[in-house]
Amino acid sequence: MNSKHTKLYSLLSAYIFSSAAFIAPALLEAQNTPNILIIVCDDLNDSIAGMGGHPQAKTPNIDRLAARGVTFMNAASNVPLCGPSRASMWSGLLPTTTGYYGYSQQVNHWQRNPVLSESNSLFEIFTQNGYRNFATGKIHHNGHEVLKIFENPDGYPGYGTKPNFGPIPNDGKPANKKHGVLPPWMPGGVRANGSWGDGFGPIQDLKQYGDEYGWTLFHSGEQWEYREGYNRDLMPDELCAQDAVRFLREKHAKPFILTVGFSRPHSPWYAPQEFFDRFPLESLELTPLLKGDADDVSKILSVEQDIAQPWGWSKYKKIANNGGDQQLLKWTQAYLACVAFVDHLVGEVLGVLESSEYAENTVVIFTGDHGYHMGEKDYLFKYSPWEESVRVPLILAGPDIAEGGISRTPVSLVDLYPTCIDFASIQAPHDLDGHSLRGLLKDPQAGTWDGPDFSLSACASKVKVEKNEPANAGDQHFSIRTERYRYIHCRNGEEELYDHLQDPNEWKNQANNPEYQSVIRAMRARLRTAADIGS
């Protein structure tokens, strides 16, 4: 469909759906249409009990949700970076359709992409169909909130708490007002060469390091007060939970879609002391690591570091060169503490939902926008084609969803859009790349699934993309995941293949193993189908 026809289609759709929205409330109420609660965590990997991530993770509230729903053990982020992941998730379109892979994501806004700008987001289509639509926290990527799509026609406030990575330590100097400083307890080498995003540790009184020290909110520089113990300002994520709780305690005449975006465990990794106390360093373990893990991966990735944001290697080196495994252990403690902190907030929201009048008629979706390395392949970041970065937790629970179910079917975040509109009986406003999960939710083992037998993920390379222009698929790096294998195709033709049946940690690249050449050929065919590239 060319841009002219796309725009005409969009205008016609807007007219049809605006008319539908006028009559939708009464119809929706009469049909008892389900509500939808979406909880998205930033940078959350598989460090959730039962998913095979860090063995000491503690997430009792998320586990409780899994016990009454279906957990997808093989769910993928379609681009493991904040902006493009959320663009794909909320539009129902793959990066191969939009050309939005996240190159220079702070400048290339996804809502100004020519394909995405002509597509109705999940939130727009729900609002147009009579749903009450409220969100709080990080739903889009920072600065990409171009459209006030959460402002409902009935006047309910749009955004709740704005997303914020703070609080962050600050030394009071004007130059550090927006981004703060690394905390005084960090190693000197990190403080000299690191950025605000390298900081981690428990929330504490900084006055012990000097009267000039205090906490401020990220970027705004607004003062954040820590006084004594629990006598402190609430962190932004805590305010988001309060927003959601308040919404769930209100009376809603219409069905609603409530979206909660928690920033943690995104960097910097600060959380209340009580969550650090759950992971004593003397008994804490590193995630499974292999020395030389990156030796057999593609050279364009590891040596040339040809990823648009190749920060994972430098972040790992800061840790390795300033305390080694002990410093990595402290970082691991901070990451797990932030995950436990988010789990606590998830529990607050779910607890109110479960005791509310909406408990029996609300579909709950819990996920993350992408994973995060914890030192695997000498990497400490997202935006890689490997399992630790691409894999995301995904749990759905609610009416007509099996309890305690496990699905190993390869799915991805692009499937959430069609799943949500399927539950709400809303027609797709444009051609969607994803597929509804409802068949698998009813029967996780043998349910119907119209999607492919693989998921697709992509990482942008360093090939320059003009501002807001779609990028060429041939310039990117792709990752294909079936139930058993992960196949990686780099833009220069280098390949990787991992057999998860034999090698769940992706420690052995089998791309050059003669015994796996038939698998390689089959994976190449899947990539041609998905992205029209490869030999």
Protein backbone atom coordinates (compact mmCIF):
# COMPACT_ATOMS: atom_id res chain seq x y z
CA MET A 1 0.00 0.00 0.00
CA ASN A 2 1.53 3.32 -1.06
CA SER A 3 1.61 6.36 1.24
CA LYS A 4 -1.33 8.04 -0.56
CA HIS A 5 -3.56 5.00 -0.14
CA THR A 6 -2.32 4.50 3.41
CA LYS A 7 -3.31 8.04 4.35
CA LEU A 8 -6.75 7.65 2.71
CA TYR A 9 -7.21 4.35 4.56
CA SER A 10 -6.22 6.05 7.80
CA LEU A 11 -8.73 8.88 7.28
CA LEU A 12 -11.54 6.46 6.46
CA SER A 13 -10.63 4.35 9.49
CA ALA A 14 -10.64 7.41 11.73
CA TYR A 15 -14.15 8.34 10.51
CA ILE A 16 -15.49 4.82 10.96
CA PHE A 17 -13.96 4.35 14.38
CA SER A 18 -14.93 7.83 15.62
CA SER A 19 -18.52 6.99 14.70
CA ALA A 20 -18.18 3.65 16.45
CA ALA A 21 -16.78 5.35 19.52
CA PHE A 22 -19.99 7.42 19.80
CA ILE A 23 -22.12 4.31 20.26
CA ALA A 24 -19.50 2.00 21.69
CA PRO A 25 -19.91 2.67 25.45
CA ALA A 26 -23.45 1.29 25.63
CA LEU A 27 -22.58 -1.65 23.41
CA LEU A 28 -19.44 -2.46 25.36
CA GLU A 29 -21.24 -2.31 28.67
CA ALA A 30 -24.03 -4.57 27.39
CA GLN A 31 -21.56 -7.15 26.08
CA ASN A 32 -19.53 -7.13 29.30
CA THR A 33 -16.33 -6.60 27.32
CA PRO A 34 -13.20 -7.44 29.33
CA ASN A 35 -10.88 -4.82 30.76
CA ILE A 36 -7.17 -4.99 30.02
CA LEU A 37 -4.30 -4.27 32.42
CA ILE A 38 -0.83 -4.12 30.85
CA ILE A 39 2.27 -3.92 33.06
CA VAL A 40 5.58 -3.27 31.27
CA CYS A 41 8.96 -3.22 33.01
CA ASP A 42 12.00 -1.58 31.46
CA ASP A 43 15.14 -3.71 30.91
CA LEU A 44 13.63 -6.76 32.65
CA ASN A 45 15.36 -9.99 31.62
CA ASP A 46 14.38 -13.54 32.59
CA SER A 47 15.41 -13.01 36.24
CA ILE A 48 12.02 -14.25 37.35
CA ALA A 49 11.59 -17.45 39.29
CA GLY A 50 10.76 -20.36 36.99
CA MET A 51 12.11 -18.82 33.78
CA GLY A 52 15.65 -20.14 34.03
CA GLY A 53 17.30 -16.76 34.53
CA HIS A 54 19.26 -15.87 37.63
CA PRO A 55 18.74 -18.78 40.07
CA GLN A 56 18.37 -16.52 43.12
CA ALA A 57 15.81 -14.07 41.77
CA LYS A 58 12.86 -13.42 44.08
CA THR A 59 9.58 -12.42 42.44
CA PRO A 60 6.71 -13.87 44.53
CA ASN A 61 4.03 -11.55 43.13
CA ILE A 62 4.90 -12.18 39.50
CA ASP A 63 5.04 -15.89 40.34
CA ARG A 64 1.54 -15.62 41.79
CA LEU A 65 0.32 -14.09 38.53
CA ALA A 66 1.96 -16.93 36.58
CA ALA A 67 0.17 -19.48 38.76
CA ARG A 68 -3.19 -18.19 37.59
CA GLY A 69 -2.25 -17.63 33.96
CA VAL A 70 -0.04 -18.72 31.07
CA THR A 71 3.71 -18.07 30.95
CA PHE A 72 5.39 -17.90 27.55
CA MET A 73 8.88 -19.31 28.01
CA ASN A 74 10.03 -18.36 24.52
CA ALA A 75 8.84 -14.77 24.05
CA ALA A 76 10.98 -12.23 22.22
CA SER A 77 11.43 -8.50 21.92
CA ASN A 78 11.32 -7.58 18.25
CA VAL A 79 14.06 -4.97 18.73
CA PRO A 80 15.84 -5.20 22.10
CA LEU A 81 16.01 -1.45 22.70
CA CYS A 82 13.43 0.78 24.42
CA GLY A 83 12.19 2.96 21.56
CA PRO A 84 11.89 0.47 18.70
CA SER A 85 10.62 -2.29 20.98
CA ARG A 86 7.73 -0.16 22.16
CA ALA A 87 7.10 1.13 18.64
CA SER A 88 6.65 -2.44 17.44
CA MET A 89 4.63 -3.52 20.47
CA TRP A 90 2.14 -0.64 20.36
CA SER A 91 1.74 -0.60 16.57
CA GLY A 92 1.61 -4.35 15.93
CA LEU A 93 4.22 -3.89 13.21
CA LEU A 94 7.64 -5.47 12.87
CA PRO A 95 10.72 -3.34 12.21
CA THR A 96 10.94 -5.01 8.80
CA THR A 97 7.62 -3.32 7.96
CA THR A 98 8.37 0.09 9.42
CA GLY A 99 12.14 0.35 8.94
CA TYR A 100 12.40 1.49 12.56
CA TYR A 101 15.30 -0.38 14.18
CA GLY A 102 16.33 2.25 16.72
CA TYR A 103 19.33 3.89 15.07
CA SER A 104 19.87 7.15 17.00
CA GLN A 105 16.56 6.59 18.77
CA GLN A 106 16.76 9.86 20.68
CA VAL A 107 16.64 11.77 17.37
CA ASN A 108 14.65 9.39 15.18
CA HIS A 109 11.27 9.41 16.92
CA TRP A 110 9.18 6.41 16.02
CA GLN A 111 5.96 8.41 15.83
CA ARG A 112 7.55 10.47 13.04
CA ASN A 113 8.40 7.38 11.04
CA PRO A 114 6.35 7.54 7.80
CA VAL A 115 4.81 4.08 8.32
CA LEU A 116 4.21 4.31 12.06
CA SER A 117 2.78 7.82 11.83
CA GLU A 118 0.04 6.48 9.54
CA SER A 119 -0.81 3.58 11.86
CA ASN A 120 -3.21 3.58 14.78
CA SER A 121 -1.53 2.68 18.03
CA LEU A 122 -3.10 0.13 20.34
CA PHE A 123 -4.18 2.93 22.67
CA GLU A 124 -5.77 5.03 19.95
CA ILE A 125 -7.86 2.15 18.67
CA PHE A 126 -9.11 1.29 22.16
CA THR A 127 -10.05 4.91 22.83
CA GLN A 128 -11.84 5.10 19.49
CA ASN A 129 -13.83 2.03 20.44
CA GLY A 130 -15.17 3.38 23.70
CA TYR A 131 -12.62 2.16 26.20
CA ARG A 132 -11.46 4.29 29.08
CA ASN A 133 -7.75 4.65 28.53
CA PHE A 134 -5.28 5.50 31.29
CA ALA A 135 -1.54 5.06 31.54
CA THR A 136 1.19 5.95 33.98
CA GLY A 137 4.97 5.77 33.82
CA LYS A 138 7.13 4.70 30.92
CA ILE A 139 4.85 3.49 28.15
CA HIS A 140 6.69 4.92 25.15
CA HIS A 141 10.36 5.72 25.01
CA ASN A 142 11.38 8.96 26.75
CA GLY A 143 10.57 12.00 24.66
CA HIS A 144 8.48 10.07 22.14
CA GLU A 145 5.13 11.07 23.64
CA VAL A 146 4.22 13.16 20.60
CA LEU A 147 0.56 12.17 20.55
CA LYS A 148 -1.46 12.60 23.73
CA ILE A 149 -3.13 9.28 23.06
CA PHE A 150 -4.05 8.67 26.68
CA GLU A 151 -6.32 11.68 26.97
CA ASN A 152 -9.82 10.28 26.87
CA PRO A 153 -12.82 12.05 25.34
CA ASP A 154 -14.54 11.96 28.74
CA GLY A 155 -11.83 14.13 30.28
CA TYR A 156 -9.98 11.61 32.40
CA PRO A 157 -6.37 12.79 32.85
CA GLY A 158 -3.98 11.48 30.23
CA TYR A 159 -0.58 10.62 31.59
CA GLY A 160 -0.28 9.80 35.26
CA THR A 161 3.23 9.93 36.69
CA LYS A 162 5.82 10.85 34.08
CA PRO A 163 8.56 8.25 33.54
CA ASN A 164 11.79 8.98 35.34
CA PHE A 165 14.97 6.98 35.98
CA GLY A 166 15.59 8.83 39.23
CA PRO A 167 16.24 9.55 41.91
CA ILE A 168 19.94 9.97 41.21
CA PRO A 169 22.78 11.29 43.39
CA ASN A 170 23.77 14.90 42.85
CA ASP A 171 26.70 16.93 44.15
CA GLY A 172 24.94 20.27 43.81
CA LYS A 173 27.07 21.56 40.93
CA PRO A 174 25.04 23.29 38.20
CA ALA A 175 26.71 21.21 35.48
CA ASN A 176 25.39 18.02 37.10
CA LYS A 177 21.83 19.19 37.72
CA LYS A 178 20.16 17.08 35.01
CA HIS A 179 22.11 13.85 35.06
CA GLY A 180 23.57 13.86 38.55
CA VAL A 181 26.80 12.10 39.46
CA LEU A 182 27.89 8.58 40.23
CA PRO A 183 27.53 7.82 43.95
CA PRO A 184 30.54 8.32 46.24
CA TRP A 185 30.76 4.60 46.98
CA MET A 186 31.49 3.65 43.36
CA PRO A 187 35.14 2.79 42.47
CA GLY A 188 37.27 5.74 41.43
CA GLY A 189 37.89 4.33 37.96
CA VAL A 190 34.16 4.12 37.29
CA ARG A 191 33.51 7.59 38.67
CA ALA A 192 36.22 9.02 36.46
CA ASN A 193 35.04 7.36 33.24
CA GLY A 194 31.42 6.42 33.84
CA SER A 195 28.08 8.07 33.23
CA TRP A 196 24.98 8.52 35.38
CA GLY A 197 23.65 5.21 34.05
CA ASP A 198 26.49 3.22 35.63
CA GLY A 199 25.39 3.95 39.20
CA PHE A 200 23.84 1.45 41.57
CA GLY A 201 23.21 0.93 45.26
CA PRO A 202 20.57 1.24 47.97
CA ILE A 203 18.71 4.49 48.52
CA GLN A 204 20.41 6.10 51.53
CA ASP A 205 21.23 9.37 53.22
CA LEU A 206 23.91 11.04 51.09
CA LYS A 207 24.66 13.76 53.64
CA GLN A 208 27.19 11.40 55.21
CA TYR A 209 29.36 12.13 52.16
CA GLY A 210 29.03 15.90 52.47
CA ASP A 211 26.34 18.53 52.75
CA GLU A 212 26.51 19.21 49.02
CA TYR A 213 25.21 15.73 48.20
CA GLY A 214 21.53 14.94 47.73
CA TRP A 215 19.07 13.16 45.45
CA THR A 216 17.42 14.72 42.40
CA LEU A 217 15.11 13.44 39.70
CA PHE A 218 16.75 12.47 36.45
CA HIS A 219 16.95 15.21 33.81
CA SER A 220 14.57 17.61 35.59
CA GLY A 221 16.98 18.23 38.45
CA GLU A 222 14.02 18.47 40.83
CA GLN A 223 15.02 17.91 44.46
CA TRP A 224 14.09 14.49 45.84
CA GLU A 225 14.09 14.21 49.61
CA TYR A 226 15.58 11.40 51.63
CA ARG A 227 15.21 12.05 55.33
CA GLU A 228 15.26 8.99 57.55
CA GLY A 229 14.49 5.43 56.59
CA TYR A 230 11.02 5.30 55.07
CA ASN A 231 10.51 9.02 55.68
CA ARG A 232 11.35 9.97 52.10
CA ASP A 233 9.74 11.07 48.88
CA LEU A 234 8.31 8.22 46.84
CA MET A 235 10.29 7.02 43.85
CA PRO A 236 8.63 7.54 40.44
CA ASP A 237 7.81 3.83 40.12
CA GLU A 238 6.10 3.91 43.51
CA LEU A 239 4.00 6.85 42.31
CA CYS A 240 3.09 4.88 39.18
CA ALA A 241 1.83 2.02 41.31
CA GLN A 242 -0.23 4.50 43.33
CA ASP A 243 -1.73 5.89 40.10
CA ALA A 244 -2.78 2.39 39.03
CA VAL A 245 -4.17 1.55 42.46
CA ARG A 246 -6.22 4.74 42.52
CA PHE A 247 -7.60 4.00 39.06
CA LEU A 248 -8.59 0.44 40.00
CA ARG A 249 -10.42 1.67 43.09
CA GLU A 250 -12.61 4.00 41.05
CA LYS A 251 -15.94 3.17 39.49
CA HIS A 252 -15.79 2.84 35.71
CA ALA A 253 -18.96 2.72 33.67
CA LYS A 254 -17.03 1.64 30.60
CA PRO A 255 -14.40 -1.05 30.10
CA PHE A 256 -10.85 0.21 30.45
CA ILE A 257 -7.34 -0.39 29.27
CA LEU A 258 -4.87 0.49 32.01
CA THR A 259 -1.16 0.53 31.16
CA VAL A 260 1.54 0.77 33.82
CA GLY A 261 5.16 1.33 32.80
CA PHE A 262 7.76 0.75 35.50
CA SER A 263 11.26 2.13 34.85
CA ARG A 264 13.06 -0.41 37.01
CA PRO A 265 15.15 -2.43 36.56
CA HIS A 266 16.49 0.13 34.04
CA SER A 267 19.72 1.86 35.06
CA PRO A 268 20.74 3.45 37.32
CA TRP A 269 20.02 0.60 39.69
CA TYR A 270 18.85 2.33 42.87
CA ALA A 271 16.19 0.81 45.09
CA PRO A 272 15.22 0.89 48.79
CA GLN A 273 17.62 -0.87 51.16
CA GLU A 274 15.12 -3.60 52.07
CA PHE A 275 15.36 -5.07 48.57
CA PHE A 276 19.16 -5.17 48.68
CA ASP A 277 18.90 -6.98 52.01
CA ARG A 278 17.16 -9.87 50.25
CA PHE A 279 20.38 -10.68 48.38
CA PRO A 280 23.33 -10.85 50.83
CA LEU A 281 26.60 -10.63 48.92
CA GLU A 282 28.16 -13.46 50.91
CA SER A 283 25.62 -15.95 49.51
CA LEU A 284 24.96 -14.36 46.12
CA GLU A 285 26.03 -15.99 42.85
CA LEU A 286 26.81 -14.56 39.46
CA THR A 287 24.61 -15.64 36.60
CA PRO A 288 26.16 -18.62 34.72
CA LEU A 289 29.19 -17.25 32.84
CA LEU A 290 31.76 -18.84 30.55
CA LYS A 291 35.27 -17.46 30.16
CA GLY A 292 35.81 -16.66 26.49
CA ASP A 293 32.08 -16.75 25.78
CA ALA A 294 32.47 -14.12 23.05
CA ASP A 295 35.38 -15.82 21.28
CA ASP A 296 33.25 -17.64 18.69
CA VAL A 297 30.64 -14.96 17.93
CA SER A 298 30.50 -12.83 14.79
CA LYS A 299 33.48 -10.51 14.47
CA ILE A 300 31.37 -7.66 13.13
CA LEU A 301 29.54 -7.72 16.46
CA SER A 302 32.31 -8.45 18.94
CA VAL A 303 35.41 -6.87 17.34
CA GLU A 304 33.92 -4.13 15.19
CA GLN A 305 31.08 -3.66 17.70
CA ASP A 306 28.75 -2.84 14.83
CA ILE A 307 25.62 -2.15 16.89
CA ALA A 308 24.03 1.31 16.91
CA GLN A 309 24.51 1.46 20.68
CA PRO A 310 27.45 -0.88 21.40
CA TRP A 311 27.65 0.06 25.07
CA GLY A 312 27.42 -3.45 26.46
CA TRP A 313 31.13 -4.18 26.07
CA SER A 314 32.32 -0.87 27.55
CA LYS A 315 29.93 -1.16 30.49
CA TYR A 316 31.23 -4.64 31.22
CA LYS A 317 34.85 -3.45 31.02
CA LYS A 318 34.16 -0.70 33.56
CA ILE A 319 33.07 -3.42 35.97
CA ALA A 320 35.87 -5.85 35.04
CA ASN A 321 38.59 -3.20 35.37
CA ASN A 322 37.28 -1.76 38.64
CA GLY A 323 36.70 -4.65 40.98
CA GLY A 324 36.25 -7.63 38.66
CA ASP A 325 33.89 -10.39 39.77
CA GLN A 326 33.29 -8.77 43.14
CA GLN A 327 32.09 -5.57 41.51
CA LEU A 328 30.00 -7.60 39.06
CA LEU A 329 28.50 -9.38 42.05
CA LYS A 330 27.55 -6.02 43.58
CA TRP A 331 25.97 -4.98 40.30
CA THR A 332 24.10 -8.31 40.18
CA GLN A 333 22.79 -7.63 43.68
CA ALA A 334 21.55 -4.21 42.54
CA TYR A 335 19.85 -5.59 39.45
CA LEU A 336 18.09 -8.33 41.43
CA ALA A 337 17.12 -5.79 44.09
CA CYS A 338 15.52 -3.62 41.41
CA VAL A 339 13.66 -6.64 40.02
CA ALA A 340 12.42 -7.48 43.53
CA PHE A 341 11.40 -3.83 43.97
CA VAL A 342 9.33 -3.95 40.78
CA ASP A 343 7.81 -7.25 41.85
CA HIS A 344 6.68 -5.59 45.08
CA LEU A 345 4.98 -2.81 43.11
CA VAL A 346 3.37 -5.32 40.76
CA GLY A 347 2.00 -7.02 43.87
CA GLU A 348 0.44 -3.75 45.05
CA VAL A 349 -1.37 -3.28 41.75
CA LEU A 350 -2.49 -6.92 41.43
CA GLY A 351 -3.63 -7.02 45.05
CA VAL A 352 -6.05 -4.15 44.50
CA LEU A 353 -7.25 -5.62 41.20
CA GLU A 354 -7.92 -9.01 42.79
CA SER A 355 -10.05 -7.44 45.52
CA SER A 356 -11.94 -5.17 43.14
CA GLU A 357 -15.14 -5.62 41.15
CA TYR A 358 -12.96 -5.92 38.02
CA ALA A 359 -11.11 -9.05 39.17
CA GLU A 360 -13.11 -11.55 37.13
CA ASN A 361 -13.26 -9.55 33.95
CA THR A 362 -9.76 -8.17 33.46
CA VAL A 363 -7.05 -9.62 31.24
CA VAL A 364 -3.65 -9.01 32.82
CA ILE A 365 -0.54 -8.81 30.64
CA PHE A 366 2.86 -8.66 32.28
CA THR A 367 6.05 -8.26 30.25
CA GLY A 368 9.24 -6.27 29.62
CA ASP A 369 10.37 -4.33 26.57
CA HIS A 370 13.55 -6.45 26.18
CA GLY A 371 16.06 -8.42 28.21
CA TYR A 372 19.45 -7.49 29.63
CA HIS A 373 22.86 -9.14 29.81
CA MET A 374 24.38 -9.78 33.23
CA GLY A 375 27.93 -10.35 31.97
CA GLU A 376 27.29 -13.06 29.40
CA LYS A 377 29.58 -12.65 26.38
CA ASP A 378 31.45 -9.93 28.32
CA TYR A 379 28.42 -7.72 27.78
CA LEU A 380 26.35 -5.66 30.21
CA PHE A 381 23.50 -4.05 28.32
CA LYS A 382 20.60 -4.78 25.97
CA TYR A 383 20.56 -4.33 22.15
CA SER A 384 22.25 -7.58 21.20
CA PRO A 385 20.95 -10.50 19.11
CA TRP A 386 21.57 -13.07 21.86
CA GLU A 387 19.11 -14.76 24.19
CA GLU A 388 19.82 -12.62 27.26
CA SER A 389 18.87 -9.46 25.39
CA VAL A 390 16.08 -10.72 23.14
CA ARG A 391 14.12 -12.95 25.52
CA VAL A 392 11.43 -11.31 27.65
CA PRO A 393 9.10 -12.51 30.38
CA LEU A 394 5.50 -12.71 29.19
CA ILE A 395 2.57 -13.76 31.37
CA LEU A 396 -1.14 -13.42 30.65
CA ALA A 397 -3.94 -14.17 33.10
CA GLY A 398 -7.67 -13.56 33.22
CA PRO A 399 -10.96 -14.82 31.80
CA ASP A 400 -10.72 -17.76 29.37
CA ILE A 401 -7.01 -18.17 30.13
CA ALA A 402 -5.63 -21.45 31.48
CA GLU A 403 -4.21 -21.41 34.99
CA GLY A 404 -0.60 -22.39 35.62
CA GLY A 405 -0.01 -22.94 31.92
CA ILE A 406 3.36 -23.04 30.16
CA SER A 407 3.84 -22.40 26.46
CA ARG A 408 7.13 -22.87 24.63
CA THR A 409 5.80 -21.67 21.28
CA PRO A 410 8.02 -18.88 19.92
CA VAL A 411 6.03 -15.65 20.18
CA SER A 412 6.99 -11.98 20.44
CA LEU A 413 5.79 -8.61 21.67
CA VAL A 414 4.30 -7.78 18.28
CA ASP A 415 1.63 -10.39 19.11
CA LEU A 416 0.20 -8.33 22.00
CA TYR A 417 -1.68 -5.87 19.78
CA PRO A 418 -3.72 -8.54 17.95
CA THR A 419 -4.27 -10.38 21.23
CA CYS A 420 -5.70 -7.30 22.94
CA ILE A 421 -8.07 -6.40 20.13
CA ASP A 422 -9.11 -10.06 19.91
CA PHE A 423 -10.21 -9.99 23.55
CA ALA A 424 -12.02 -6.70 22.98
CA SER A 425 -13.62 -7.82 19.69
CA ILE A 426 -12.11 -4.83 17.90
CA GLN A 427 -11.26 -4.97 14.21
CA ALA A 428 -7.62 -4.34 13.29
CA PRO A 429 -7.20 -0.78 11.96
CA HIS A 430 -4.32 -1.80 9.69
CA ASP A 431 -2.56 -4.98 8.61
CA LEU A 432 -0.84 -6.40 11.68
CA ASP A 433 2.37 -8.42 11.65
CA GLY A 434 1.56 -10.20 14.90
CA HIS A 435 -0.93 -12.94 15.72
CA SER A 436 -3.41 -13.37 18.53
CA LEU A 437 -2.28 -15.57 21.42
CA ARG A 438 -5.80 -16.54 22.50
CA GLY A 439 -5.61 -20.09 21.17
CA LEU A 440 -2.45 -20.73 23.18
CA LEU A 441 -3.96 -19.03 26.22
CA LYS A 442 -6.84 -21.50 26.25
CA ASP A 443 -4.58 -24.50 25.67
CA PRO A 444 -0.85 -23.67 26.03
CA GLN A 445 0.25 -27.10 24.80
CA ALA A 446 -2.03 -27.83 21.87
CA GLY A 447 -3.95 -24.61 21.25
CA THR A 448 -4.31 -23.06 17.83
CA TRP A 449 -1.54 -20.73 16.69
CA ASP A 450 -1.67 -18.93 13.37
CA GLY A 451 1.78 -17.42 13.69
CA PRO A 452 5.08 -18.77 12.36
CA ASP A 453 7.21 -21.32 14.19
CA PHE A 454 9.81 -18.65 14.97
CA SER A 455 10.16 -15.13 16.33
CA LEU A 456 12.10 -12.32 14.68
CA SER A 457 14.31 -9.78 16.42
CA ALA A 458 16.65 -7.17 14.97
CA CYS A 459 19.47 -4.86 16.05
CA ALA A 460 20.39 -1.71 14.17
CA SER A 461 23.94 -1.46 12.87
CA LYS A 462 26.07 1.66 12.67
CA VAL A 463 24.97 2.33 9.09
CA LYS A 464 23.65 5.89 9.18
CA VAL A 465 19.92 6.50 8.86
CA GLU A 466 18.64 9.93 7.86
CA LYS A 467 16.41 11.57 10.43
CA ASN A 468 13.08 9.74 10.75
CA GLU A 469 13.63 7.80 7.52
CA PRO A 470 13.05 4.01 7.42
CA ALA A 471 16.25 1.96 7.50
CA ASN A 472 17.11 -0.80 5.05
CA ALA A 473 16.69 -4.34 6.35
CA GLY A 474 19.90 -5.39 4.63
CA ASP A 475 21.90 -3.05 6.86
CA GLN A 476 20.71 -4.63 10.11
CA HIS A 477 21.53 -7.71 12.21
CA PHE A 478 18.77 -10.29 12.69
CA SER A 479 18.03 -13.01 15.20
CA ILE A 480 15.61 -15.87 14.55
CA ARG A 481 14.39 -18.06 17.43
CA THR A 482 12.51 -21.34 17.04
CA GLU A 483 11.60 -23.59 19.95
CA ARG A 484 15.03 -25.25 19.76
CA TYR A 485 17.42 -22.96 17.88
CA ARG A 486 18.63 -19.39 17.75
CA TYR A 487 20.06 -18.25 14.40
CA ILE A 488 21.84 -14.91 13.97
CA HIS A 489 22.50 -13.29 10.59
CA CYS A 490 24.74 -10.22 10.48
CA ARG A 491 24.67 -7.67 7.71
CA ASN A 492 28.06 -8.84 6.40
CA GLY A 493 26.83 -12.44 6.10
CA GLU A 494 28.39 -13.80 9.32
CA GLU A 495 26.19 -16.31 11.06
CA GLU A 496 25.69 -17.88 14.47
CA LEU A 497 23.61 -20.89 15.49
CA TYR A 498 22.84 -22.12 19.00
CA ASP A 499 21.13 -25.38 19.92
CA HIS A 500 19.12 -24.65 23.05
CA LEU A 501 18.38 -28.30 23.62
CA GLN A 502 22.09 -28.94 24.15
CA ASP A 503 23.27 -25.43 24.98
CA PRO A 504 20.68 -23.25 26.81
CA ASN A 505 23.34 -20.61 27.64
CA GLU A 506 24.36 -20.12 23.98
CA TRP A 507 27.98 -20.93 24.75
CA LYS A 508 28.76 -22.86 21.55
CA ASN A 509 28.27 -21.34 18.11
CA GLN A 510 27.43 -24.23 15.75
CA ALA A 511 27.33 -22.20 12.53
CA ASN A 512 30.39 -23.95 11.09
CA ASN A 513 29.53 -27.42 12.38
CA PRO A 514 28.78 -29.73 9.40
CA GLU A 515 26.19 -31.57 11.47
CA TYR A 516 24.03 -28.43 11.67
CA GLN A 517 24.09 -27.30 8.03
CA SER A 518 20.58 -28.51 7.31
CA VAL A 519 19.40 -26.46 10.28
CA ILE A 520 21.30 -23.43 9.00
CA ARG A 521 19.61 -23.74 5.60
CA ALA A 522 16.18 -23.97 7.23
CA MET A 523 16.89 -20.92 9.37
CA ARG A 524 18.07 -18.94 6.34
CA ALA A 525 14.77 -19.77 4.66
CA ARG A 526 12.87 -18.44 7.67
CA LEU A 527 14.86 -15.20 7.55
CA ARG A 528 14.10 -14.78 3.84
CA THR A 529 10.43 -15.21 4.64
CA ALA A 530 10.54 -12.68 7.48
CA ALA A 531 12.95 -10.06 6.18
CA ASP A 532 13.61 -10.92 2.53
CA ILE A 533 17.35 -11.03 3.12
CA GLY A 534 19.98 -13.73 3.35
CA SER A 535 21.13 -16.32 0.87
